[in-house]
Structure formats: C-alpha cells, structure tokens
C-alpha atoms as a PDB file:
ATOM      1  CA  MET A   1     -58.339 -11.009 -17.460  1.00  0.00           C
ATOM      2  CA  ASN A   2     -58.736  -7.091 -17.041  1.00  0.00           C
ATOM      3  CA  HIS A   3     -59.484  -6.908 -20.681  1.00  0.00           C
ATOM      4  CA  PRO A   4     -61.987  -4.426 -22.424  1.00  0.00           C
ATOM      5  CA  SER A   5     -64.279  -7.299 -23.297  1.00  0.00           C
ATOM      6  CA  ASP A   6     -64.968  -7.824 -19.418  1.00  0.00           C
ATOM      7  CA  GLY A   7     -67.437  -5.132 -19.553  1.00  0.00           C
ATOM      8  CA  ASN A   8     -69.508  -6.628 -16.882  1.00  0.00           C
ATOM      9  CA  ARG A   9     -66.867  -6.613 -14.358  1.00  0.00           C
ATOM     10  CA  LYS A  10     -66.492  -3.986 -11.656  1.00  0.00           C
ATOM     11  CA  LEU A  11     -63.693  -1.553 -12.085  1.00  0.00           C
ATOM     12  CA  PHE A  12     -61.617  -2.584  -9.054  1.00  0.00           C
ATOM     13  CA  ASP A  13     -62.807  -6.130  -8.509  1.00  0.00           C
ATOM     14  CA  LEU A  14     -60.065  -8.645  -7.969  1.00  0.00           C
ATOM     15  CA  GLN A  15     -62.335 -11.700  -7.575  1.00  0.00           C
ATOM     16  CA  GLY A  16     -60.770 -14.742  -9.052  1.00  0.00           C
ATOM     17  CA  GLN A  17     -57.359 -13.510  -9.199  1.00  0.00           C
ATOM     18  CA  VAL A  18     -54.169 -14.925  -7.712  1.00  0.00           C
ATOM     19  CA  ALA A  19     -51.499 -12.446  -6.617  1.00  0.00           C
ATOM     20  CA  VAL A  20     -47.939 -12.982  -5.536  1.00  0.00           C
ATOM     21  CA  ILE A  21     -46.299 -10.169  -3.387  1.00  0.00           C
ATOM     22  CA  THR A  22     -42.736  -9.938  -2.446  1.00  0.00           C
ATOM     23  CA  GLY A  23     -41.724  -8.249   0.556  1.00  0.00           C
ATOM     24  CA  ALA A  24     -45.312  -8.776   1.881  1.00  0.00           C
ATOM     25  CA  SER A  25     -44.756  -9.120   5.603  1.00  0.00           C
ATOM     26  CA  ARG A  26     -44.674  -5.301   6.356  1.00  0.00           C
ATOM     27  CA  GLY A  27     -45.010  -1.846   5.106  1.00  0.00           C
ATOM     28  CA  ILE A  28     -46.260  -1.257   1.580  1.00  0.00           C
ATOM     29  CA  GLY A  29     -46.130  -5.033   0.764  1.00  0.00           C
ATOM     30  CA  ARG A  30     -48.358  -5.887   3.746  1.00  0.00           C
ATOM     31  CA  ALA A  31     -50.844  -3.006   2.803  1.00  0.00           C
ATOM     32  CA  ILE A  32     -51.095  -4.385  -0.648  1.00  0.00           C
ATOM     33  CA  ALA A  33     -51.669  -7.787   0.380  1.00  0.00           C
ATOM     34  CA  LEU A  34     -54.437  -6.806   2.814  1.00  0.00           C
ATOM     35  CA  ARG A  35     -56.114  -4.576   0.210  1.00  0.00           C
ATOM     36  CA  PHE A  36     -55.902  -7.245  -2.645  1.00  0.00           C
ATOM     37  CA  ALA A  37     -57.633  -9.781  -0.407  1.00  0.00           C
ATOM     38  CA  GLU A  38     -60.188  -7.288   0.481  1.00  0.00           C
ATOM     39  CA  HIS A  39     -61.157  -6.719  -3.270  1.00  0.00           C
ATOM     40  CA  GLY A  40     -61.145 -10.570  -3.640  1.00  0.00           C
ATOM     41  CA  ALA A  41     -57.654 -11.768  -4.684  1.00  0.00           C
ATOM     42  CA  ARG A  42     -56.109 -14.868  -3.359  1.00  0.00           C
ATOM     43  CA  VAL A  43     -52.641 -13.748  -1.957  1.00  0.00           C
ATOM     44  CA  VAL A  44     -49.343 -15.284  -1.727  1.00  0.00           C
ATOM     45  CA  VAL A  45     -47.709 -13.418   1.092  1.00  0.00           C
ATOM     46  CA  SER A  46     -44.012 -13.655   0.685  1.00  0.00           C
ATOM     47  CA  SER A  47     -40.897 -12.541   2.399  1.00  0.00           C
ATOM     48  CA  ARG A  48     -37.693 -13.955   4.173  1.00  0.00           C
ATOM     49  CA  LYS A  49     -39.426 -14.408   7.473  1.00  0.00           C
ATOM     50  CA  LEU A  50     -42.193 -17.128   7.544  1.00  0.00           C
ATOM     51  CA  ASP A  51     -43.605 -15.990  10.920  1.00  0.00           C
ATOM     52  CA  ALA A  52     -44.232 -12.590   9.826  1.00  0.00           C
ATOM     53  CA  CYS A  53     -45.862 -13.627   6.484  1.00  0.00           C
ATOM     54  CA  GLU A  54     -48.004 -15.812   8.613  1.00  0.00           C
ATOM     55  CA  GLN A  55     -49.173 -12.901  10.632  1.00  0.00           C
ATOM     56  CA  VAL A  56     -50.405 -11.188   7.484  1.00  0.00           C
ATOM     57  CA  VAL A  57     -52.087 -14.259   6.244  1.00  0.00           C
ATOM     58  CA  ASN A  58     -53.907 -14.703   9.721  1.00  0.00           C
ATOM     59  CA  THR A  59     -55.197 -11.148   9.451  1.00  0.00           C
ATOM     60  CA  ILE A  60     -56.334 -11.722   5.758  1.00  0.00           C
ATOM     61  CA  ARG A  61     -58.189 -15.026   6.618  1.00  0.00           C
ATOM     62  CA  ALA A  62     -59.722 -13.420   9.850  1.00  0.00           C
ATOM     63  CA  ALA A  63     -61.341 -10.924   7.354  1.00  0.00           C
ATOM     64  CA  GLY A  64     -62.555 -13.754   5.178  1.00  0.00           C
ATOM     65  CA  GLY A  65     -60.106 -13.732   2.560  1.00  0.00           C
ATOM     66  CA  GLU A  66     -57.752 -16.302   1.226  1.00  0.00           C
ATOM     67  CA  ALA A  67     -54.022 -16.322   1.530  1.00  0.00           C
ATOM     68  CA  ILE A  68     -50.912 -18.544   1.926  1.00  0.00           C
ATOM     69  CA  ALA A  69     -47.524 -17.661   3.404  1.00  0.00           C
ATOM     70  CA  THR A  70     -44.057 -18.632   2.028  1.00  0.00           C
ATOM     71  CA  THR A  71     -40.529 -17.836   2.341  1.00  0.00           C
ATOM     72  CA  CYS A  72     -38.336 -16.305  -0.352  1.00  0.00           C
ATOM     73  CA  HIS A  73     -35.014 -14.898  -0.529  1.00  0.00           C
ATOM     74  CA  ILE A  74     -35.173 -12.650  -3.480  1.00  0.00           C
ATOM     75  CA  GLY A  75     -31.600 -12.745  -4.240  1.00  0.00           C
ATOM     76  CA  HIS A  76     -31.628 -16.365  -4.806  1.00  0.00           C
ATOM     77  CA  LYS A  77     -32.788 -17.517  -8.311  1.00  0.00           C
ATOM     78  CA  GLU A  78     -33.781 -20.980  -7.030  1.00  0.00           C
ATOM     79  CA  ALA A  79     -35.951 -19.563  -4.313  1.00  0.00           C
ATOM     80  CA  LEU A  80     -37.918 -17.376  -6.777  1.00  0.00           C
ATOM     81  CA  GLN A  81     -38.582 -20.269  -8.922  1.00  0.00           C
ATOM     82  CA  GLN A  82     -39.840 -22.052  -6.080  1.00  0.00           C
ATOM     83  CA  LEU A  83     -42.125 -19.119  -5.210  1.00  0.00           C
ATOM     84  CA  VAL A  84     -43.636 -19.563  -8.745  1.00  0.00           C
ATOM     85  CA  GLU A  85     -43.977 -23.268  -8.554  1.00  0.00           C
ATOM     86  CA  GLN A  86     -45.517 -23.169  -5.124  1.00  0.00           C
ATOM     87  CA  THR A  87     -48.101 -20.734  -6.261  1.00  0.00           C
ATOM     88  CA  MET A  88     -48.900 -22.834  -9.414  1.00  0.00           C
ATOM     89  CA  THR A  89     -49.205 -25.984  -7.324  1.00  0.00           C
ATOM     90  CA  THR A  90     -51.519 -24.162  -4.761  1.00  0.00           C
ATOM     91  CA  TRP A  91     -53.819 -22.210  -7.016  1.00  0.00           C
ATOM     92  CA  GLY A  92     -52.603 -22.972 -10.810  1.00  0.00           C
ATOM     93  CA  ARG A  93     -52.290 -19.491 -11.971  1.00  0.00           C
ATOM     94  CA  ILE A  94     -50.691 -16.134 -11.266  1.00  0.00           C
ATOM     95  CA  ASP A  95     -52.572 -12.943 -12.311  1.00  0.00           C
ATOM     96  CA  THR A  96     -50.672 -10.188 -10.549  1.00  0.00           C
ATOM     97  CA  LEU A  97     -47.158 -10.110  -9.669  1.00  0.00           C
ATOM     98  CA  VAL A  98     -45.926  -7.344  -7.096  1.00  0.00           C
ATOM     99  CA  CYS A  99     -42.356  -6.998  -6.951  1.00  0.00           C
ATOM    100  CA  ASN A 100     -41.969  -4.804  -3.613  1.00  0.00           C
ATOM    101  CA  ALA A 101     -39.088  -6.331  -1.863  1.00  0.00           C
ATOM    102  CA  ALA A 102     -35.945  -4.198  -1.899  1.00  0.00           C
ATOM    103  CA  VAL A 103     -32.892  -3.583   0.144  1.00  0.00           C
ATOM    104  CA  ASN A 104     -30.717  -0.602   0.969  1.00  0.00           C
ATOM    105  CA  PRO A 105     -27.894  -1.477   3.191  1.00  0.00           C
ATOM    106  CA  TYR A 106     -25.940   1.845   2.654  1.00  0.00           C
ATOM    107  CA  PHE A 107     -26.851   5.365   3.363  1.00  0.00           C
ATOM    108  CA  GLY A 108     -24.112   7.941   2.412  1.00  0.00           C
ATOM    109  CA  PRO A 109     -22.113   9.160  -0.449  1.00  0.00           C
ATOM    110  CA  SER A 110     -21.845   6.803  -3.474  1.00  0.00           C
ATOM    111  CA  ARG A 111     -18.104   7.385  -3.698  1.00  0.00           C
ATOM    112  CA  ASP A 112     -17.742   5.661  -0.257  1.00  0.00           C
ATOM    113  CA  MET A 113     -20.000   2.800  -0.874  1.00  0.00           C
ATOM    114  CA  PRO A 114     -18.248  -0.531  -0.470  1.00  0.00           C
ATOM    115  CA  ASP A 115     -18.567  -2.911  -3.579  1.00  0.00           C
ATOM    116  CA  GLU A 116     -20.537  -5.509  -1.678  1.00  0.00           C
ATOM    117  CA  ALA A 117     -23.165  -3.004  -0.802  1.00  0.00           C
ATOM    118  CA  TYR A 118     -23.394  -1.906  -4.522  1.00  0.00           C
ATOM    119  CA  ASP A 119     -23.804  -5.511  -5.554  1.00  0.00           C
ATOM    120  CA  ARG A 120     -26.452  -6.297  -2.956  1.00  0.00           C
ATOM    121  CA  VAL A 121     -28.714  -3.229  -3.996  1.00  0.00           C
ATOM    122  CA  MET A 122     -28.409  -3.976  -7.773  1.00  0.00           C
ATOM    123  CA  ASN A 123     -28.746  -7.635  -7.495  1.00  0.00           C
ATOM    124  CA  SER A 124     -31.793  -7.412  -4.993  1.00  0.00           C
ATOM    125  CA  ASN A 125     -33.601  -4.311  -6.345  1.00  0.00           C
ATOM    126  CA  VAL A 126     -33.015  -5.118 -10.244  1.00  0.00           C
ATOM    127  CA  ARG A 127     -31.806  -8.468 -10.914  1.00  0.00           C
ATOM    128  CA  SER A 128     -34.396 -10.260  -8.828  1.00  0.00           C
ATOM    129  CA  ASN A 129     -37.126  -8.348 -10.291  1.00  0.00           C
ATOM    130  CA  PHE A 130     -35.830  -9.262 -13.673  1.00  0.00           C
ATOM    131  CA  TRP A 131     -35.630 -12.900 -12.876  1.00  0.00           C
ATOM    132  CA  LEU A 132     -38.835 -13.281 -11.186  1.00  0.00           C
ATOM    133  CA  CYS A 133     -40.869 -11.079 -14.047  1.00  0.00           C
ATOM    134  CA  ASN A 134     -39.348 -13.432 -16.685  1.00  0.00           C
ATOM    135  CA  MET A 135     -40.518 -16.470 -14.733  1.00  0.00           C
ATOM    136  CA  VAL A 136     -44.037 -15.287 -14.354  1.00  0.00           C
ATOM    137  CA  ALA A 137     -44.751 -13.464 -17.730  1.00  0.00           C
ATOM    138  CA  PRO A 138     -44.798 -16.824 -19.572  1.00  0.00           C
ATOM    139  CA  VAL A 139     -47.503 -18.082 -17.161  1.00  0.00           C
ATOM    140  CA  MET A 140     -49.435 -15.009 -17.749  1.00  0.00           C
ATOM    141  CA  LYS A 141     -49.269 -15.574 -21.447  1.00  0.00           C
ATOM    142  CA  THR A 142     -50.633 -19.037 -21.250  1.00  0.00           C
ATOM    143  CA  GLN A 143     -53.597 -17.560 -19.046  1.00  0.00           C
ATOM    144  CA  GLY A 144     -54.667 -14.853 -21.524  1.00  0.00           C
ATOM    145  CA  GLY A 145     -52.925 -11.955 -19.676  1.00  0.00           C
ATOM    146  CA  GLY A 146     -51.795 -10.601 -16.536  1.00  0.00           C
ATOM    147  CA  CYS A 147     -50.231  -7.640 -14.529  1.00  0.00           C
ATOM    148  CA  ILE A 148     -46.849  -7.021 -13.160  1.00  0.00           C
ATOM    149  CA  ILE A 149     -46.236  -4.210 -10.648  1.00  0.00           C
ATOM    150  CA  ILE A 150     -42.787  -3.023  -9.716  1.00  0.00           C
ATOM    151  CA  ILE A 151     -42.536  -0.867  -6.552  1.00  0.00           C
ATOM    152  CA  SER A 152     -39.828   1.831  -7.509  1.00  0.00           C
ATOM    153  CA  SER A 153     -39.353   5.295  -5.771  1.00  0.00           C
ATOM    154  CA  ILE A 154     -39.343   8.843  -6.717  1.00  0.00           C
ATOM    155  CA  GLY A 155     -35.602   8.468  -6.149  1.00  0.00           C
ATOM    156  CA  GLY A 156     -35.496   6.970  -9.589  1.00  0.00           C
ATOM    157  CA  PHE A 157     -36.068  10.461 -11.095  1.00  0.00           C
ATOM    158  CA  GLN A 158     -33.808  12.194  -8.746  1.00  0.00           C
ATOM    159  CA  GLY A 159     -29.955  12.173  -7.644  1.00  0.00           C
ATOM    160  CA  SER A 160     -29.093  11.797  -4.025  1.00  0.00           C
ATOM    161  CA  ASP A 161     -26.089  12.400  -1.910  1.00  0.00           C
ATOM    162  CA  ARG A 162     -27.234   9.635   0.558  1.00  0.00           C
ATOM    163  CA  LEU A 163     -29.210   7.103  -1.459  1.00  0.00           C
ATOM    164  CA  GLY A 164     -27.491   7.217  -4.919  1.00  0.00           C
ATOM    165  CA  VAL A 165     -27.007   3.552  -5.842  1.00  0.00           C
ATOM    166  CA  TYR A 166     -30.612   2.982  -4.414  1.00  0.00           C
ATOM    167  CA  CYS A 167     -31.880   5.608  -6.698  1.00  0.00           C
ATOM    168  CA  ILE A 168     -30.173   4.144  -9.721  1.00  0.00           C
ATOM    169  CA  SER A 169     -31.698   0.637  -8.907  1.00  0.00           C
ATOM    170  CA  LYS A 170     -35.250   2.257  -8.901  1.00  0.00           C
ATOM    171  CA  ALA A 171     -34.681   4.023 -12.130  1.00  0.00           C
ATOM    172  CA  ALA A 172     -33.702   0.870 -13.518  1.00  0.00           C
ATOM    173  CA  ASP A 173     -37.036  -0.794 -12.229  1.00  0.00           C
ATOM    174  CA  MET A 174     -38.782   1.801 -14.304  1.00  0.00           C
ATOM    175  CA  GLN A 175     -37.101   0.863 -17.387  1.00  0.00           C
ATOM    176  CA  LEU A 176     -37.478  -2.789 -16.634  1.00  0.00           C
ATOM    177  CA  ALA A 177     -41.294  -2.116 -16.631  1.00  0.00           C
ATOM    178  CA  ARG A 178     -41.148  -0.414 -19.948  1.00  0.00           C
ATOM    179  CA  ASN A 179     -39.332  -3.275 -21.334  1.00  0.00           C
ATOM    180  CA  LEU A 180     -41.663  -5.769 -20.053  1.00  0.00           C
ATOM    181  CA  ALA A 181     -44.672  -3.728 -21.357  1.00  0.00           C
ATOM    182  CA  VAL A 182     -42.993  -3.988 -24.949  1.00  0.00           C
ATOM    183  CA  GLU A 183     -42.166  -7.476 -25.031  1.00  0.00           C
ATOM    184  CA  TRP A 184     -45.281  -8.889 -23.533  1.00  0.00           C
ATOM    185  CA  GLY A 185     -47.931  -6.493 -24.525  1.00  0.00           C
ATOM    186  CA  ASP A 186     -49.368  -8.645 -27.362  1.00  0.00           C
ATOM    187  CA  SER A 187     -49.949 -11.381 -24.919  1.00  0.00           C
ATOM    188  CA  ASN A 188     -52.172  -9.013 -22.721  1.00  0.00           C
ATOM    189  CA  VAL A 189     -49.532  -8.862 -20.097  1.00  0.00           C
ATOM    190  CA  ARG A 190     -49.305  -5.392 -18.530  1.00  0.00           C
ATOM    191  CA  ALA A 191     -46.367  -3.885 -16.647  1.00  0.00           C
ATOM    192  CA  ASN A 192     -46.077  -0.746 -14.545  1.00  0.00           C
ATOM    193  CA  CYS A 193     -44.041   0.853 -11.536  1.00  0.00           C
ATOM    194  CA  ILE A 194     -45.263   2.654  -8.694  1.00  0.00           C
ATOM    195  CA  ALA A 195     -42.923   5.386  -7.533  1.00  0.00           C
ATOM    196  CA  PRO A 196     -43.789   6.320  -3.943  1.00  0.00           C
ATOM    197  CA  GLY A 197     -42.484   9.291  -2.135  1.00  0.00           C
ATOM    198  CA  LEU A 198     -41.429   9.076   1.547  1.00  0.00           C
ATOM    199  CA  ILE A 199     -43.800   6.563   3.169  1.00  0.00           C
ATOM    200  CA  LYS A 200     -44.103   5.743   6.782  1.00  0.00           C
ATOM    201  CA  THR A 201     -42.634   2.227   6.701  1.00  0.00           C
ATOM    202  CA  ASP A 202     -39.795   0.564   8.817  1.00  0.00           C
ATOM    203  CA  PHE A 203     -37.759   0.378   5.508  1.00  0.00           C
ATOM    204  CA  ALA A 204     -37.860   4.328   5.275  1.00  0.00           C
ATOM    205  CA  LYS A 205     -37.520   4.889   8.933  1.00  0.00           C
ATOM    206  CA  ALA A 206     -34.085   6.260   8.646  1.00  0.00           C
ATOM    207  CA  LEU A 207     -35.685   9.177   6.653  1.00  0.00           C
ATOM    208  CA  TRP A 208     -38.880   9.938   8.327  1.00  0.00           C
ATOM    209  CA  ASP A 209     -37.390   9.417  11.916  1.00  0.00           C
ATOM    210  CA  ASN A 210     -34.575  11.886  11.279  1.00  0.00           C
ATOM    211  CA  PRO A 211     -36.291  15.350  12.168  1.00  0.00           C
ATOM    212  CA  SER A 212     -34.182  17.255   9.849  1.00  0.00           C
ATOM    213  CA  ILE A 213     -34.911  15.053   7.001  1.00  0.00           C
ATOM    214  CA  LEU A 214     -38.527  14.762   7.692  1.00  0.00           C
ATOM    215  CA  GLU A 215     -38.743  18.567   7.912  1.00  0.00           C
ATOM    216  CA  LYS A 216     -36.960  19.079   4.576  1.00  0.00           C
ATOM    217  CA  SER A 217     -39.198  16.456   2.808  1.00  0.00           C
ATOM    218  CA  VAL A 218     -42.556  17.902   4.197  1.00  0.00           C
ATOM    219  CA  ALA A 219     -41.532  21.400   3.261  1.00  0.00           C
ATOM    220  CA  HIS A 220     -41.047  20.290  -0.313  1.00  0.00           C
ATOM    221  CA  THR A 221     -44.438  18.386  -0.364  1.00  0.00           C
ATOM    222  CA  PRO A 222     -47.492  20.213  -1.192  1.00  0.00           C
ATOM    223  CA  LEU A 223     -49.671  18.006   0.924  1.00  0.00           C
ATOM    224  CA  GLY A 224     -47.419  18.752   3.681  1.00  0.00           C
ATOM    225  CA  ARG A 225     -47.041  15.312   5.106  1.00  0.00           C
ATOM    226  CA  ILE A 226     -45.464  12.148   4.350  1.00  0.00           C
ATOM    227  CA  GLY A 227     -47.750   9.101   2.945  1.00  0.00           C
ATOM    228  CA  GLU A 228     -49.024   5.983   4.543  1.00  0.00           C
ATOM    229  CA  PRO A 229     -48.652   2.378   3.021  1.00  0.00           C
ATOM    230  CA  ASP A 230     -52.356   2.243   2.110  1.00  0.00           C
ATOM    231  CA  GLU A 231     -51.986   5.177  -0.067  1.00  0.00           C
ATOM    232  CA  ILE A 232     -49.874   2.945  -2.214  1.00  0.00           C
ATOM    233  CA  ALA A 233     -51.887  -0.132  -1.868  1.00  0.00           C
ATOM    234  CA  GLY A 234     -54.719   1.708  -3.571  1.00  0.00           C
ATOM    235  CA  ALA A 235     -52.726   2.458  -6.669  1.00  0.00           C
ATOM    236  CA  ALA A 236     -51.829  -1.124  -6.804  1.00  0.00           C
ATOM    237  CA  VAL A 237     -55.338  -2.209  -6.818  1.00  0.00           C
ATOM    238  CA  PHE A 238     -56.018   0.253  -9.634  1.00  0.00           C
ATOM    239  CA  LEU A 239     -53.224  -1.252 -11.845  1.00  0.00           C
ATOM    240  CA  ALA A 240     -54.203  -4.913 -11.021  1.00  0.00           C
ATOM    241  CA  SER A 241     -57.933  -4.473 -11.706  1.00  0.00           C
ATOM    242  CA  ALA A 242     -59.939  -3.810 -14.817  1.00  0.00           C
ATOM    243  CA  ALA A 243     -59.757  -0.106 -14.195  1.00  0.00           C
ATOM    244  CA  GLY A 244     -56.107  -0.378 -15.076  1.00  0.00           C
ATOM    245  CA  SER A 245     -56.630  -2.514 -18.079  1.00  0.00           C
ATOM    246  CA  TYR A 246     -55.108   0.029 -20.656  1.00  0.00           C
ATOM    247  CA  THR A 247     -52.343   1.010 -18.354  1.00  0.00           C
ATOM    248  CA  THR A 248     -48.865  -0.408 -19.215  1.00  0.00           C
ATOM    249  CA  GLY A 249     -45.248   0.723 -19.269  1.00  0.00           C
ATOM    250  CA  GLN A 250     -45.938   3.673 -16.942  1.00  0.00           C
ATOM    251  CA  THR A 251     -44.577   4.835 -13.694  1.00  0.00           C
ATOM    252  CA  LEU A 252     -47.492   5.935 -11.357  1.00  0.00           C
ATOM    253  CA  THR A 253     -45.861   8.541  -8.956  1.00  0.00           C
ATOM    254  CA  ILE A 254     -47.612   8.818  -5.415  1.00  0.00           C
ATOM    255  CA  ASP A 255     -45.553  11.544  -3.518  1.00  0.00           C
ATOM    256  CA  GLY A 256     -48.000  14.169  -2.027  1.00  0.00           C
ATOM    257  CA  GLY A 257     -46.621  16.234  -4.942  1.00  0.00           C
ATOM    258  CA  ARG A 258     -42.936  16.132  -3.819  1.00  0.00           C
ATOM    259  CA  THR A 259     -41.815  15.949  -7.396  1.00  0.00           C
ATOM    260  CA  CYS A 260     -44.229  18.387  -9.104  1.00  0.00           C
ATOM    261  CA  GLY A 261     -42.540  21.802  -7.872  1.00  0.00           C
ATOM    262  CA  MET A 262     -40.645  23.834  -5.387  1.00  0.00           C
ATOM    263  CA  SER A 263     -41.074  23.930  -1.804  1.00  0.00           C
ATOM    264  CA  ARG A 264     -44.309  25.281  -0.287  1.00  0.00           C
ATOM    265  CA  SER A 265     -42.330  28.293   1.194  1.00  0.00           C
ATOM    266  CA  ASP A 266     -41.037  29.219  -2.199  1.00  0.00           C
END
C-alpha cells in the first residue's frame, strides 16, 4: 500500500484501507475519522465512551462510508489488544493507525504535580502508544506496509510552566515515531507525528477558553487565529495516502506559524 509502484493511484485516495483511530469520538480524532471515511477508508472509531463513538459512526454511514464503533481504554494493554483483534476479526487488516487519544489531568507548575498525575500522563500519552504501535506494526508488515500517525503537539518543542509533563510526553511521542520509522522501515511501515498548535477542541478548552491565554497565543501566531480540527485531519489524510508514501520519521507541525518566529507585534 502507498508504495511508489502504485502509480495509478490517486494521491489522496484511501480506498481499500482500514484505519484504526483512538480518541476518535470528538475533536481532532473525530475530524480525522470523518475525513478518512470521506476519502474511502473503513474506519474503526474508538474511545472510552461507546455512545459517542456510535454518533461518529452514524455520521460516517449517513454519508455513505463504512465504520464501526468500539470502546478502548488506552491505559489498559488488554483493551488495546482487543481493539486490534476486533479490527482484524471485522476487516482482516489494519493499514493506518492513528494514535490520537491523550490525557492531561494537571494544569500548573511541574514541581507541584502529583506523582499519580505524572504517571497517568506518561502512561496514557507514551506507553499506550508504544504498546499499540508494537501490536499493529507486525500486522502491517505481513500486509506489505502501513502507516502509523501519532498526534503529538508543538508542546513537544517547548518548555511550559503549566503543561510541563504533557510537553515531555509529546516530545517522547516524536521520538517514538522516529524509532518506529527506523525499526519498521524495511517492511514499508511508515511512522510520523503531527504536532498541532492550539486547536479549538474540548481537550484544549482550558487554553482557548481563557481570554488571556488565547490572546497571547493568537498574538504569537502569524495567521492570527487558532486552528480547527479539520486542519489537522487534512495532514493525516496526506500521511496515510500515497501522497505521503516517502514520508517517515517526521513531525509535521501545523500551528498557524506559532513556532516559526516572534509575535506579530514584534
């Protein structure tokens, strides 16, 4: 799949693919699920809440796409294995894996962060991705290739006085993608990260719903606004399709220019 020999394929065509997406019931994950289905993929919509997943599935099916809903707590290894097994039982393959689910239970200085919160962030945002990717990569190898996409954050490039450990976890995700790219590249399995800037999702509401934080973020963003989930979904379609067939081990930053320079008023 997505190999240079597929010269007759349209660049952004996902027809025939099966895509597994964690945290797909809302925000960025939901947008990716909808766009993948629009481009022809069969989508496994996964999160902890089945009813929310089913709403996304219903939207996909109403538009003529194919999707199934399943619950998965990413912090539980057996739940991740069940996600893989259910997908294989239903459709017999996994072409694209999107590790989108993440947590951030603490907002404040790292020095005051409880150990429990630290463990939850690192286990959910890094260890679960490590587990799931290593479950899926062998499946992709037997198929002749595949694509792994980890949703990171521009926080992985920066320090923070409020989101320090979250940023550490997102930097680790970038390194995870690089390691996967090296380990599985000879099997035509590609692994990349997407690092969004501030996106208008419920997950990031503590940032964009705070007027002072929002104003500061926008002031340091050349495009002068925050992003929308669909603007991340487009990058995921690129990476999963033939258009991204020679892209691996990279972190694609989509932040309205936030990390490229100083504030617009400087």
